[in-house]
Amino acid sequence: MKLSASEDDLGSDIHVPADIDWHMLDKSKFFFLGAAFFSGVSAGLYPAMVLKTRQQVSSTQISCFKMSFSIMRCEGLRGFYRGFGTTLMGTIPARALYMGALEVTKTSVGSSTVRLGFSDTTATAIASAAAGLSSAMAAQLVWTPIDVVSQRLMVQAPNASPCRYKNGLDAFRKILFADGLKGLYRGFGISMLTYAPSNAVWWASYSVANRLIYRGLGWSDNIRRSESKATAVAVQGLSAAMASGVSALITTPLDTIKTRLQVLDKEENGVRKPLTMLQTVRNLVKESGLAACYRGLGPRWASMSLSATTMITTYELLKRLSAKNQESLTS
């Protein structure tokens, strides 16, 4: 979404680096490189997700250090990557949907808000919020079943006899057989409630923080043309970290409830049945009060900050690498 022309009309000499719009991208390169880049990012951050998930389903409060030590002692490094194969398989289609919806929405809504006369910063925030909302909703169609399967593998006790799930495919088959399609989409509603608004807030906050930091640096046309990659990465990372902190605090209770809905069951007359949302909340409050809703906040906050910083810098690099040359754009 290119908005610098709007600023020129206002006589401003401050600009952020020009954005690369959807029509400027080589789509095949964009999705291929995106799958490779984000698979690598997922591999690096996956242990924090395992820690967060195990803390959230634990009936008692356990520190990150004790949980990490226990996993390493009992399961080794492999314990930090339980369910990773399933997650990796889901990352590619989910990220494709996410990035496609993000770019298409950002470009279309951005153009509309500028035509309606909104200021540059407001237009960017509105377009980014709408893009964040639509991309999260699109990705959850794929991600929720992957989340259900991978999280069950994450919390499965090592050396359990008999083993409940042998692998991701076995878990997928057993969940589908026991609960039908709704079993794979357990927690879909609260996933939407958790990720769609928080993603909208994150992208709006990121875009505003990014522009404010550049303005604070006095980013002029001459500086923009000789943009330092190191400076751009630093600004992107700082903006992402700022946007992640508040999002983690707001959404962790919903994320804890979602994880428990997707993983834990109750037993009635020897038959396993999924918990309702009300039962999940009651169990949490009964265990440790409202503080139980914030189990896993530490690793989740760290994961979100690292993920956001890595994701946005990787994403911006991906767009630059996937940009068509000028001849392609004008042809």
Protein backbone atom coordinates (compact mmCIF):
# COMPACT_ATOMS: atom_id res chain seq x y z
CA MET A 1 0.00 0.00 0.00
CA LYS A 2 1.87 3.06 -1.25
CA LEU A 3 0.78 6.20 0.56
CA SER A 4 3.75 8.55 0.06
CA ALA A 5 1.88 10.46 -2.66
CA SER A 6 -0.72 11.44 -0.11
CA GLU A 7 1.99 12.89 2.09
CA ASP A 8 3.46 14.84 -0.85
CA ASP A 9 0.09 16.54 -1.32
CA LEU A 10 0.28 17.71 2.27
CA GLY A 11 3.73 19.16 1.73
CA SER A 12 5.42 16.78 4.16
CA ASP A 13 9.08 15.84 3.59
CA ILE A 14 8.96 12.80 5.90
CA HIS A 15 8.37 9.37 4.38
CA VAL A 16 8.66 5.78 5.43
CA PRO A 17 10.35 3.41 2.98
CA ALA A 18 7.98 2.68 0.10
CA ASP A 19 5.79 -0.39 0.57
CA ILE A 20 5.72 -3.20 -1.96
CA ASP A 21 2.11 -3.81 -2.99
CA TRP A 22 0.47 -7.10 -3.96
CA HIS A 23 0.59 -6.35 -7.70
CA MET A 24 4.37 -5.74 -7.45
CA LEU A 25 5.10 -9.30 -6.26
CA ASP A 26 6.13 -12.39 -8.19
CA LYS A 27 3.50 -14.65 -6.58
CA SER A 28 5.24 -18.00 -7.20
CA LYS A 29 8.49 -16.72 -5.71
CA PHE A 30 6.59 -15.06 -2.85
CA PHE A 31 4.84 -18.27 -1.77
CA PHE A 32 7.80 -20.59 -2.39
CA LEU A 33 10.29 -18.45 -0.44
CA GLY A 34 7.65 -17.78 2.20
CA ALA A 35 7.16 -21.49 2.84
CA ALA A 36 10.91 -21.99 3.21
CA PHE A 37 11.52 -18.93 5.40
CA PHE A 38 8.61 -19.46 7.77
CA SER A 39 9.32 -23.18 8.15
CA GLY A 40 12.74 -22.20 9.46
CA VAL A 41 11.21 -19.63 11.82
CA SER A 42 8.73 -22.23 13.13
CA ALA A 43 11.56 -24.69 13.84
CA GLY A 44 13.45 -22.13 15.90
CA LEU A 45 10.46 -21.05 17.99
CA TYR A 46 8.73 -24.41 18.42
CA PRO A 47 10.29 -25.32 21.82
CA ALA A 48 8.71 -22.21 23.37
CA MET A 49 5.32 -23.32 22.06
CA VAL A 50 5.77 -26.76 23.63
CA LEU A 51 6.63 -25.14 26.98
CA LYS A 52 3.64 -22.80 26.79
CA THR A 53 1.22 -25.62 25.92
CA ARG A 54 2.42 -27.92 28.71
CA GLN A 55 2.21 -25.11 31.26
CA GLN A 56 -1.33 -24.26 30.17
CA VAL A 57 -2.66 -27.81 30.54
CA SER A 58 -0.81 -28.50 33.80
CA SER A 59 -3.03 -28.66 36.90
CA THR A 60 -0.33 -26.89 38.95
CA GLN A 61 1.93 -23.92 38.34
CA ILE A 62 5.35 -25.03 37.06
CA SER A 63 8.14 -22.61 36.17
CA CYS A 64 9.65 -22.55 32.68
CA PHE A 65 13.00 -23.67 34.09
CA LYS A 66 11.57 -26.72 35.88
CA MET A 67 9.44 -27.63 32.88
CA SER A 68 12.41 -27.34 30.52
CA PHE A 69 14.63 -29.39 32.82
CA SER A 70 11.96 -32.09 33.15
CA ILE A 71 11.47 -32.35 29.38
CA MET A 72 15.21 -32.50 28.71
CA ARG A 73 15.80 -35.11 31.44
CA CYS A 74 12.91 -37.39 30.53
CA GLU A 75 12.62 -36.93 26.78
CA GLY A 76 15.77 -35.22 25.57
CA LEU A 77 15.81 -32.59 22.83
CA ARG A 78 13.18 -34.56 20.96
CA GLY A 79 10.65 -33.66 23.64
CA PHE A 80 10.79 -30.00 22.59
CA TYR A 81 9.75 -30.97 19.06
CA ARG A 82 6.79 -33.26 19.70
CA GLY A 83 4.20 -32.63 16.97
CA PHE A 84 6.58 -30.49 14.93
CA GLY A 85 6.13 -32.57 11.76
CA THR A 86 2.38 -31.94 11.88
CA THR A 87 2.92 -28.24 12.52
CA LEU A 88 5.37 -27.99 9.63
CA MET A 89 2.90 -29.61 7.25
CA GLY A 90 0.23 -27.11 8.29
CA THR A 91 2.53 -24.08 8.22
CA ILE A 92 2.83 -24.04 4.42
CA PRO A 93 -0.88 -23.85 3.46
CA ALA A 94 -1.76 -21.74 6.51
CA ARG A 95 0.99 -19.21 5.76
CA ALA A 96 0.00 -19.12 2.09
CA LEU A 97 -3.58 -18.24 3.05
CA TYR A 98 -2.34 -15.78 5.67
CA MET A 99 0.05 -13.90 3.39
CA GLY A 100 -2.33 -13.86 0.45
CA ALA A 101 -5.25 -12.49 2.49
CA LEU A 102 -2.95 -10.01 4.25
CA GLU A 103 -1.55 -8.47 1.08
CA VAL A 104 -4.79 -8.41 -0.93
CA THR A 105 -6.76 -6.83 1.94
CA LYS A 106 -4.04 -4.32 2.81
CA THR A 107 -3.77 -3.11 -0.77
CA SER A 108 -7.52 -2.88 -1.47
CA VAL A 109 -8.52 -1.32 1.88
CA GLY A 110 -5.50 1.02 1.80
CA SER A 111 -6.48 2.44 -1.57
CA SER A 112 -10.09 2.91 -0.43
CA THR A 113 -9.19 4.70 2.82
CA VAL A 114 -6.87 7.11 1.01
CA ARG A 115 -9.62 7.96 -1.49
CA LEU A 116 -12.00 8.59 1.43
CA GLY A 117 -9.65 11.30 2.67
CA PHE A 118 -8.18 9.68 5.78
CA SER A 119 -4.77 10.86 6.92
CA ASP A 120 -1.78 8.75 5.93
CA THR A 121 -1.23 7.24 9.40
CA THR A 122 -4.95 6.56 9.95
CA ALA A 123 -5.32 4.97 6.51
CA THR A 124 -2.33 2.72 7.16
CA ALA A 125 -3.67 1.67 10.58
CA ILE A 126 -7.15 0.89 9.20
CA ALA A 127 -5.77 -1.09 6.26
CA SER A 128 -3.36 -3.01 8.49
CA ALA A 129 -6.10 -3.84 11.03
CA ALA A 130 -8.44 -5.08 8.29
CA ALA A 131 -5.61 -7.11 6.74
CA GLY A 132 -4.70 -8.63 10.11
CA LEU A 133 -8.32 -9.60 10.75
CA SER A 134 -8.89 -11.22 7.35
CA SER A 135 -5.54 -13.04 7.30
CA ALA A 136 -6.08 -14.56 10.76
CA MET A 137 -9.57 -15.75 9.83
CA ALA A 138 -8.32 -17.32 6.60
CA ALA A 139 -5.37 -19.07 8.27
CA GLN A 140 -7.50 -20.52 11.10
CA LEU A 141 -9.43 -22.64 8.59
CA VAL A 142 -6.24 -24.67 8.16
CA TRP A 143 -4.50 -23.95 11.42
CA THR A 144 -7.16 -25.07 13.93
CA PRO A 145 -7.05 -28.81 12.96
CA ILE A 146 -3.23 -28.66 12.88
CA ASP A 147 -3.25 -26.95 16.28
CA VAL A 148 -5.52 -29.63 17.79
CA VAL A 149 -3.34 -32.49 16.53
CA SER A 150 0.06 -30.94 17.29
CA GLN A 151 -0.93 -29.84 20.81
CA ARG A 152 -2.16 -33.32 21.70
CA LEU A 153 1.19 -34.69 20.57
CA MET A 154 2.99 -31.96 22.58
CA VAL A 155 1.39 -32.96 25.87
CA GLN A 156 1.32 -36.72 25.35
CA ALA A 157 3.27 -38.40 28.13
CA PRO A 158 6.52 -39.97 26.92
CA ASN A 159 6.79 -43.76 27.09
CA ALA A 160 3.06 -43.99 27.80
CA SER A 161 1.72 -47.51 27.49
CA PRO A 162 -0.29 -47.95 25.44
CA CYS A 163 0.73 -44.89 23.36
CA ARG A 164 -2.38 -42.84 22.64
CA TYR A 165 -1.09 -41.36 19.38
CA LYS A 166 1.79 -42.82 17.36
CA ASN A 167 2.22 -39.76 15.15
CA GLY A 168 0.34 -36.84 13.62
CA LEU A 169 -1.48 -38.93 11.02
CA ASP A 170 -2.56 -41.44 13.67
CA ALA A 171 -3.81 -38.61 15.92
CA PHE A 172 -5.70 -37.04 13.00
CA ARG A 173 -7.36 -40.36 12.17
CA LYS A 174 -8.30 -41.17 15.79
CA ILE A 175 -9.71 -37.71 16.50
CA LEU A 176 -11.75 -37.81 13.29
CA PHE A 177 -13.05 -41.31 14.13
CA ALA A 178 -13.93 -40.45 17.75
CA ASP A 179 -15.39 -36.95 17.34
CA GLY A 180 -15.88 -36.40 13.64
CA LEU A 181 -14.88 -33.20 11.86
CA LYS A 182 -15.95 -31.10 14.86
CA GLY A 183 -13.23 -32.83 16.88
CA LEU A 184 -10.59 -31.37 14.58
CA TYR A 185 -12.19 -27.95 14.86
CA ARG A 186 -12.51 -28.03 18.64
CA GLY A 187 -11.85 -24.52 19.92
CA PHE A 188 -12.35 -22.94 16.48
CA GLY A 189 -14.70 -20.28 17.83
CA ILE A 190 -12.40 -19.17 20.62
CA SER A 191 -9.42 -19.39 18.23
CA MET A 192 -11.16 -16.83 16.03
CA LEU A 193 -12.00 -14.78 19.11
CA THR A 194 -8.37 -14.93 20.22
CA TYR A 195 -6.39 -14.53 17.03
CA ALA A 196 -8.53 -12.44 14.67
CA PRO A 197 -8.92 -9.31 16.90
CA SER A 198 -5.42 -9.63 18.35
CA ASN A 199 -3.96 -9.96 14.86
CA ALA A 200 -5.88 -6.87 13.78
CA VAL A 201 -4.60 -4.95 16.81
CA TRP A 202 -1.06 -6.23 16.24
CA TRP A 203 -0.87 -5.14 12.60
CA ALA A 204 -2.46 -1.76 13.32
CA SER A 205 -0.07 -1.18 16.24
CA TYR A 206 2.90 -2.33 14.19
CA SER A 207 2.12 -0.03 11.26
CA VAL A 208 1.60 3.00 13.51
CA ALA A 209 4.71 2.27 15.61
CA ASN A 210 6.75 1.76 12.44
CA ARG A 211 5.73 5.09 10.95
CA LEU A 212 6.13 6.98 14.23
CA ILE A 213 9.66 5.63 14.71
CA TYR A 214 10.62 6.67 11.17
CA ARG A 215 9.12 10.10 11.72
CA GLY A 216 11.01 10.39 14.99
CA LEU A 217 14.21 9.61 13.08
CA GLY A 218 13.38 12.39 10.62
CA TRP A 219 13.36 10.00 7.68
CA SER A 220 13.60 12.24 4.59
CA ASP A 221 13.50 11.45 0.86
CA ASN A 222 17.30 11.49 0.56
CA ILE A 223 17.71 9.12 3.50
CA ARG A 224 14.92 6.91 2.18
CA ARG A 225 16.66 6.46 -1.16
CA SER A 226 19.83 5.29 0.56
CA GLU A 227 18.00 3.30 3.21
CA SER A 228 20.25 1.32 5.53
CA LYS A 229 19.10 -2.30 5.75
CA ALA A 230 20.41 -2.52 9.31
CA THR A 231 18.35 0.53 10.32
CA ALA A 232 15.25 -0.83 8.58
CA VAL A 233 15.58 -4.20 10.36
CA ALA A 234 16.10 -2.48 13.72
CA VAL A 235 12.99 -0.31 13.24
CA GLN A 236 10.92 -3.29 12.11
CA GLY A 237 12.09 -5.38 15.07
CA LEU A 238 11.38 -2.64 17.60
CA SER A 239 7.93 -1.99 16.12
CA ALA A 240 7.11 -5.71 16.21
CA ALA A 241 8.23 -6.07 19.83
CA MET A 242 6.14 -3.06 20.88
CA ALA A 243 3.06 -4.48 19.15
CA SER A 244 3.54 -7.95 20.71
CA GLY A 245 3.69 -7.04 24.40
CA VAL A 246 0.15 -5.74 24.76
CA SER A 247 -1.24 -8.46 22.51
CA ALA A 248 0.24 -11.21 24.71
CA LEU A 249 -1.19 -9.70 27.90
CA ILE A 250 -4.66 -9.32 26.41
CA THR A 251 -4.97 -12.69 24.70
CA THR A 252 -3.15 -15.17 27.01
CA PRO A 253 -6.27 -16.05 29.08
CA LEU A 254 -8.21 -16.82 25.88
CA ASP A 255 -5.25 -18.79 24.54
CA THR A 256 -5.09 -20.86 27.75
CA ILE A 257 -8.81 -21.66 27.53
CA LYS A 258 -8.44 -22.53 23.83
CA THR A 259 -5.53 -24.89 24.49
CA ARG A 260 -7.40 -26.72 27.24
CA LEU A 261 -10.53 -27.02 25.10
CA GLN A 262 -8.47 -28.57 22.32
CA VAL A 263 -6.42 -30.94 24.48
CA LEU A 264 -8.26 -31.96 27.66
CA ASP A 265 -11.28 -34.24 28.00
CA LYS A 266 -13.58 -35.32 30.84
CA GLU A 267 -14.70 -38.85 31.66
CA GLU A 268 -18.35 -39.80 32.15
CA ASN A 269 -19.11 -43.47 32.78
CA GLY A 270 -15.78 -44.45 31.27
CA VAL A 271 -16.41 -42.42 28.10
CA ARG A 272 -14.13 -39.51 27.19
CA LYS A 273 -15.99 -36.35 26.24
CA PRO A 274 -14.76 -32.84 25.35
CA LEU A 275 -15.02 -30.16 28.00
CA THR A 276 -17.30 -27.19 27.45
CA MET A 277 -15.93 -23.67 27.65
CA LEU A 278 -17.73 -23.06 30.95
CA GLN A 279 -16.27 -26.23 32.49
CA THR A 280 -12.81 -25.25 31.26
CA VAL A 281 -13.03 -21.81 32.86
CA ARG A 282 -14.40 -23.27 36.12
CA ASN A 283 -11.55 -25.79 36.30
CA LEU A 284 -8.97 -23.08 35.73
CA VAL A 285 -10.39 -20.78 38.41
CA LYS A 286 -10.75 -23.70 40.83
CA GLU A 287 -7.07 -24.62 40.41
CA SER A 288 -5.38 -21.27 41.02
CA GLY A 289 -7.89 -18.51 40.57
CA LEU A 290 -7.55 -16.01 37.74
CA ALA A 291 -3.77 -16.43 37.82
CA ALA A 292 -4.23 -19.86 36.22
CA CYS A 293 -5.44 -18.12 33.06
CA TYR A 294 -1.97 -16.65 32.68
CA ARG A 295 -0.06 -19.92 32.83
CA GLY A 296 2.47 -19.99 30.02
CA LEU A 297 2.54 -16.18 29.76
CA GLY A 298 6.35 -16.12 29.99
CA PRO A 299 7.12 -18.48 27.10
CA ARG A 300 4.14 -17.16 25.13
CA TRP A 301 5.33 -13.57 25.49
CA ALA A 302 8.87 -14.57 24.53
CA SER A 303 7.58 -16.66 21.64
CA MET A 304 5.29 -13.89 20.38
CA SER A 305 8.00 -11.22 20.60
CA LEU A 306 10.63 -13.38 18.93
CA SER A 307 8.13 -14.69 16.40
CA ALA A 308 6.83 -11.23 15.57
CA THR A 309 10.29 -9.71 15.25
CA THR A 310 11.57 -12.61 13.16
CA MET A 311 8.37 -12.83 11.15
CA ILE A 312 8.16 -9.17 10.21
CA THR A 313 11.84 -8.83 9.27
CA THR A 314 11.62 -12.10 7.30
CA TYR A 315 8.34 -10.95 5.75
CA GLU A 316 9.76 -7.60 4.62
CA LEU A 317 12.85 -9.37 3.22
CA LEU A 318 10.57 -11.87 1.48
CA LYS A 319 8.62 -9.06 -0.20
CA ARG A 320 11.82 -7.41 -1.42
CA LEU A 321 13.17 -10.67 -2.81
CA SER A 322 9.83 -11.41 -4.48
CA ALA A 323 9.33 -7.96 -6.02
CA LYS A 324 9.06 -7.88 -9.79
CA ASN A 325 11.59 -5.81 -11.70
CA GLN A 326 10.54 -2.44 -13.08
CA GLU A 327 10.19 -3.78 -16.64
CA SER A 328 7.63 -6.37 -15.45
CA LEU A 329 5.65 -3.74 -13.57
CA THR A 330 5.36 -1.36 -16.52
CA SER A 331 4.67 -4.02 -19.15
